[in-house]
Amino acid sequence: MLICDLHVHTNFSKDGESSVEEILRRAEEVGLDVIAITDHDSIDGAKKALTCKTSVLVIPGIEVSTKQGHLLVLGVTELIPAGLDVIDTVGIARKLGALLILPHPYHVWRHGVARRKKIGMSAVDAIETFNSRYIVGSANRKAARMAKKLGKPCVAGSDAHHARFIGFGRTIIDADRDVPSVLAAIRAGKVTCGGRQTPLRTYTRQSLNNTWRKIKRFTRRVRLR
């Protein structure tokens, strides 16, 4: 059995706060066997992690910003364009042989695909039914109910944007310790998942910082017009 965190950000994400090296070191400290690096619309952090010396198995991935919301694409080292319809994004990812996970599908403020396009849930391999950055558990529970209805495997991720919270969402996978075996086991539903919430004060601080960055970027664009 492998202990995995399938949703982690480094500072290659615009809102990530920790380096690749810090992320991997923390993953080792908390006893993870596997970690998926899934930066927002960037594969650079994952590719760097693959070059680092670590006892943790690294799954390269990306959290793609589709037109309807976010999509986790695992097992790829190629950049997938942002801003496409989620079904078009799924098609590109399938051609690359990727595993697809729908993250935080019902989150009101964090780009949940299921709130905009129901078909997105049936097009993926698994659904993230525990995300540690939910303030309350209702959206996780709703995702779990939908995963059961659709017969999709349930997985967890910390969605950590700082190394301190690596492993707050954990998926236990019955697989050999290599990327193809892990991805195949997820598809086959050989998983259990759970975790604990990111502290509210941390989530709030990170959300406010992210909002402030977006305001500054918007202000700069307006000034350049």
Protein backbone atom coordinates (compact mmCIF):
# COMPACT_ATOMS: atom_id res chain seq x y z
CA MET A 1 0.00 0.00 0.00
CA LEU A 2 1.29 3.44 -0.93
CA ILE A 3 0.47 6.68 0.90
CA CYS A 4 -0.03 9.42 -1.67
CA ASP A 5 -0.87 13.11 -1.92
CA LEU A 6 -2.27 13.62 -5.42
CA HIS A 7 -2.71 17.41 -5.45
CA VAL A 8 0.26 19.59 -4.52
CA HIS A 9 1.53 23.01 -5.67
CA THR A 10 5.05 24.43 -5.69
CA ASN A 11 6.12 28.03 -6.26
CA PHE A 12 5.87 27.34 -9.99
CA SER A 13 2.17 28.03 -9.39
CA LYS A 14 1.49 31.77 -9.13
CA ASP A 15 -0.02 31.23 -5.68
CA GLY A 16 2.43 28.55 -4.52
CA GLU A 17 4.69 29.43 -1.61
CA SER A 18 7.30 26.63 -1.36
CA SER A 19 10.10 25.46 -3.61
CA VAL A 20 10.18 22.03 -5.21
CA GLU A 21 12.96 21.01 -2.83
CA GLU A 22 10.94 22.12 0.21
CA ILE A 23 7.90 20.21 -1.03
CA LEU A 24 9.85 16.98 -1.53
CA ARG A 25 11.63 17.29 1.81
CA ARG A 26 8.32 17.76 3.60
CA ALA A 27 6.78 14.81 1.77
CA GLU A 28 9.60 12.64 3.08
CA GLU A 29 9.21 14.00 6.61
CA VAL A 30 5.50 13.16 6.80
CA GLY A 31 5.98 9.65 5.45
CA LEU A 32 4.51 9.91 1.97
CA ASP A 33 5.44 7.31 -0.64
CA VAL A 34 4.07 9.22 -3.64
CA ILE A 35 3.38 12.86 -4.46
CA ALA A 36 1.80 14.41 -7.55
CA ILE A 37 3.13 17.86 -8.45
CA THR A 38 0.18 19.68 -10.05
CA ASP A 39 1.00 23.34 -10.51
CA HIS A 40 -1.51 25.70 -12.09
CA ASP A 41 -1.01 25.73 -15.86
CA SER A 42 2.68 24.87 -15.54
CA ILE A 43 4.60 21.64 -15.86
CA ASP A 44 7.93 23.17 -14.84
CA GLY A 45 7.69 22.31 -11.14
CA ALA A 46 6.89 18.69 -11.89
CA LYS A 47 9.75 18.40 -14.37
CA LYS A 48 12.16 19.88 -11.86
CA ALA A 49 10.95 17.46 -9.18
CA LEU A 50 11.75 14.55 -11.48
CA THR A 51 15.40 15.63 -11.47
CA CYS A 52 15.68 15.87 -7.67
CA LYS A 53 17.12 13.17 -5.46
CA THR A 54 14.29 12.00 -3.22
CA SER A 55 12.84 8.85 -1.70
CA VAL A 56 9.36 9.94 -2.77
CA LEU A 57 7.93 8.77 -6.09
CA VAL A 58 7.00 11.86 -8.14
CA ILE A 59 4.01 11.80 -10.47
CA PRO A 60 4.34 14.69 -12.93
CA GLY A 61 1.12 16.56 -13.51
CA ILE A 62 -0.63 19.84 -14.03
CA GLU A 63 -3.80 21.55 -12.82
CA VAL A 64 -5.26 22.90 -16.03
CA SER A 65 -7.55 25.94 -15.98
CA THR A 66 -10.32 25.01 -18.41
CA LYS A 67 -13.15 27.29 -19.46
CA GLN A 68 -15.43 25.67 -16.87
CA GLY A 69 -12.93 25.11 -14.06
CA HIS A 70 -9.89 23.15 -12.97
CA LEU A 71 -8.82 19.67 -14.08
CA LEU A 72 -5.97 17.58 -12.65
CA VAL A 73 -3.96 15.81 -15.35
CA LEU A 74 -1.47 13.24 -14.02
CA GLY A 75 1.34 11.39 -15.74
CA VAL A 76 2.30 14.08 -18.25
CA THR A 77 5.32 16.28 -18.85
CA GLU A 78 3.78 18.30 -21.68
CA LEU A 79 2.01 21.61 -21.17
CA ILE A 80 -1.71 21.60 -21.94
CA PRO A 81 -3.18 24.98 -22.97
CA ALA A 82 -5.37 26.80 -20.48
CA GLY A 83 -8.76 28.30 -21.31
CA LEU A 84 -10.20 25.51 -23.45
CA ASP A 85 -13.53 23.81 -22.92
CA VAL A 86 -13.10 21.05 -20.34
CA ILE A 87 -14.11 18.36 -22.84
CA ASP A 88 -11.50 19.59 -25.34
CA THR A 89 -8.93 19.54 -22.53
CA VAL A 90 -9.93 15.98 -21.69
CA GLY A 91 -9.39 15.00 -25.33
CA ILE A 92 -5.87 16.44 -25.38
CA ALA A 93 -4.99 14.78 -22.09
CA ARG A 94 -6.31 11.41 -23.29
CA LYS A 95 -4.03 11.55 -26.32
CA LEU A 96 -1.11 11.98 -23.90
CA GLY A 97 -2.20 8.91 -21.92
CA ALA A 98 -2.97 10.94 -18.80
CA LEU A 99 -5.04 10.10 -15.74
CA LEU A 100 -7.77 12.68 -15.15
CA ILE A 101 -9.05 13.74 -11.74
CA LEU A 102 -11.75 16.31 -11.12
CA PRO A 103 -10.57 18.41 -8.16
CA HIS A 104 -12.85 20.31 -5.73
CA PRO A 105 -15.75 19.88 -8.17
CA TYR A 106 -18.34 21.79 -6.16
CA HIS A 107 -16.29 24.57 -4.62
CA VAL A 108 -18.08 27.88 -5.04
CA TRP A 109 -14.98 30.11 -5.29
CA ARG A 110 -12.34 27.73 -6.59
CA HIS A 111 -13.28 26.82 -10.13
CA GLY A 112 -15.33 23.66 -9.61
CA VAL A 113 -16.15 22.15 -13.00
CA ALA A 114 -19.25 20.32 -11.77
CA ARG A 115 -20.96 23.61 -10.93
CA ARG A 116 -20.80 24.60 -14.60
CA LYS A 117 -20.66 21.49 -16.76
CA LYS A 118 -22.01 18.22 -15.41
CA ILE A 119 -20.56 16.19 -18.27
CA GLY A 120 -17.09 16.96 -16.92
CA MET A 121 -17.62 14.54 -14.04
CA SER A 122 -18.36 11.56 -16.27
CA ALA A 123 -15.34 12.26 -18.49
CA VAL A 124 -12.68 11.81 -15.79
CA ASP A 125 -11.07 8.73 -14.22
CA ALA A 126 -11.52 9.75 -10.58
CA ILE A 127 -13.06 12.47 -8.44
CA GLU A 128 -11.37 14.33 -5.59
CA THR A 129 -13.77 13.73 -2.72
CA PHE A 130 -11.47 15.04 0.00
CA ASN A 131 -9.74 18.37 -0.50
CA SER A 132 -8.08 19.69 2.65
CA ARG A 133 -8.69 23.33 1.74
CA TYR A 134 -12.47 23.15 2.15
CA ILE A 135 -13.60 25.24 5.12
CA VAL A 136 -16.67 23.05 5.62
CA GLY A 137 -17.20 19.45 4.52
CA SER A 138 -20.42 19.81 2.52
CA ALA A 139 -18.73 20.14 -0.88
CA ASN A 140 -16.51 17.11 -0.18
CA ARG A 141 -19.57 15.09 0.80
CA LYS A 142 -21.44 16.20 -2.31
CA ALA A 143 -18.47 15.16 -4.47
CA ALA A 144 -18.41 11.75 -2.75
CA ARG A 145 -22.11 11.22 -3.43
CA MET A 146 -21.65 12.08 -7.09
CA ALA A 147 -18.59 9.83 -7.40
CA LYS A 148 -20.62 6.93 -5.99
CA LYS A 149 -23.50 7.65 -8.37
CA LEU A 150 -21.14 7.69 -11.36
CA GLY A 151 -19.06 4.74 -10.16
CA LYS A 152 -15.87 6.80 -10.06
CA PRO A 153 -12.94 6.15 -7.68
CA CYS A 154 -12.62 8.63 -4.81
CA VAL A 155 -9.24 10.25 -4.17
CA ALA A 156 -7.87 12.90 -1.82
CA GLY A 157 -5.39 15.74 -2.12
CA SER A 158 -4.04 18.35 0.22
CA ASP A 159 -4.14 21.00 -2.53
CA ALA A 160 -1.20 22.32 -0.51
CA HIS A 161 0.20 25.68 -1.55
CA HIS A 162 2.78 25.56 1.24
CA ALA A 163 5.01 22.64 2.20
CA ARG A 164 3.68 22.63 5.76
CA PHE A 165 0.37 21.16 4.56
CA ILE A 166 1.70 18.34 2.39
CA GLY A 167 -0.14 15.14 3.27
CA PHE A 168 -3.24 16.80 4.74
CA GLY A 169 -5.13 14.93 2.00
CA ARG A 170 -4.05 11.30 1.56
CA THR A 171 -4.96 8.58 -0.89
CA ILE A 172 -3.95 5.02 0.01
CA ILE A 173 -3.28 3.09 -3.19
CA ASP A 174 -2.78 -0.65 -3.67
CA ALA A 175 -0.04 -0.50 -6.30
CA ASP A 176 3.60 -1.15 -7.03
CA ARG A 177 5.93 1.78 -6.53
CA ASP A 178 6.07 3.15 -10.06
CA VAL A 179 4.00 5.74 -11.89
CA PRO A 180 2.21 3.43 -14.38
CA SER A 181 1.18 1.06 -11.57
CA VAL A 182 -0.12 3.92 -9.41
CA LEU A 183 -2.16 5.42 -12.24
CA ALA A 184 -3.56 2.01 -13.21
CA ALA A 185 -4.56 1.31 -9.59
CA ILE A 186 -6.41 4.63 -9.37
CA ARG A 187 -8.31 3.84 -12.56
CA ALA A 188 -9.19 0.42 -11.13
CA GLY A 189 -10.47 1.96 -7.91
CA LYS A 190 -7.87 0.33 -5.67
CA VAL A 191 -7.91 3.37 -3.41
CA THR A 192 -9.15 4.74 -0.10
CA CYS A 193 -8.85 8.33 0.99
CA GLY A 194 -9.18 10.88 3.76
CA GLY A 195 -7.30 13.58 5.63
CA ARG A 196 -7.63 16.71 7.73
CA GLN A 197 -8.46 20.31 6.96
CA THR A 198 -5.98 23.08 6.30
CA PRO A 199 -6.31 25.59 9.20
CA LEU A 200 -8.89 28.27 8.45
CA ARG A 201 -6.47 31.15 9.17
CA THR A 202 -3.98 29.78 6.62
CA TYR A 203 -6.61 29.18 3.95
CA THR A 204 -8.00 32.69 4.49
CA ARG A 205 -4.55 34.31 4.29
CA GLN A 206 -3.66 32.45 1.10
CA SER A 207 -7.02 33.27 -0.48
CA LEU A 208 -6.69 36.98 0.33
CA ASN A 209 -3.13 37.06 -1.03
CA ASN A 210 -4.28 35.37 -4.22
CA THR A 211 -7.16 37.84 -4.62
CA TRP A 212 -4.77 40.76 -4.10
CA ARG A 213 -2.42 39.38 -6.79
CA LYS A 214 -5.34 39.15 -9.23
CA ILE A 215 -6.37 42.74 -8.47
CA LYS A 216 -2.81 43.97 -9.09
CA ARG A 217 -2.58 42.07 -12.38
CA PHE A 218 -5.93 43.51 -13.50
CA THR A 219 -4.84 47.02 -12.52
CA ARG A 220 -1.62 46.68 -14.52
CA ARG A 221 -3.52 45.53 -17.60
CA VAL A 222 -5.90 48.50 -17.34
CA ARG A 223 -2.99 50.94 -17.07
CA LEU A 224 -1.34 49.48 -20.18
CA ARG A 225 -4.45 50.02 -22.32
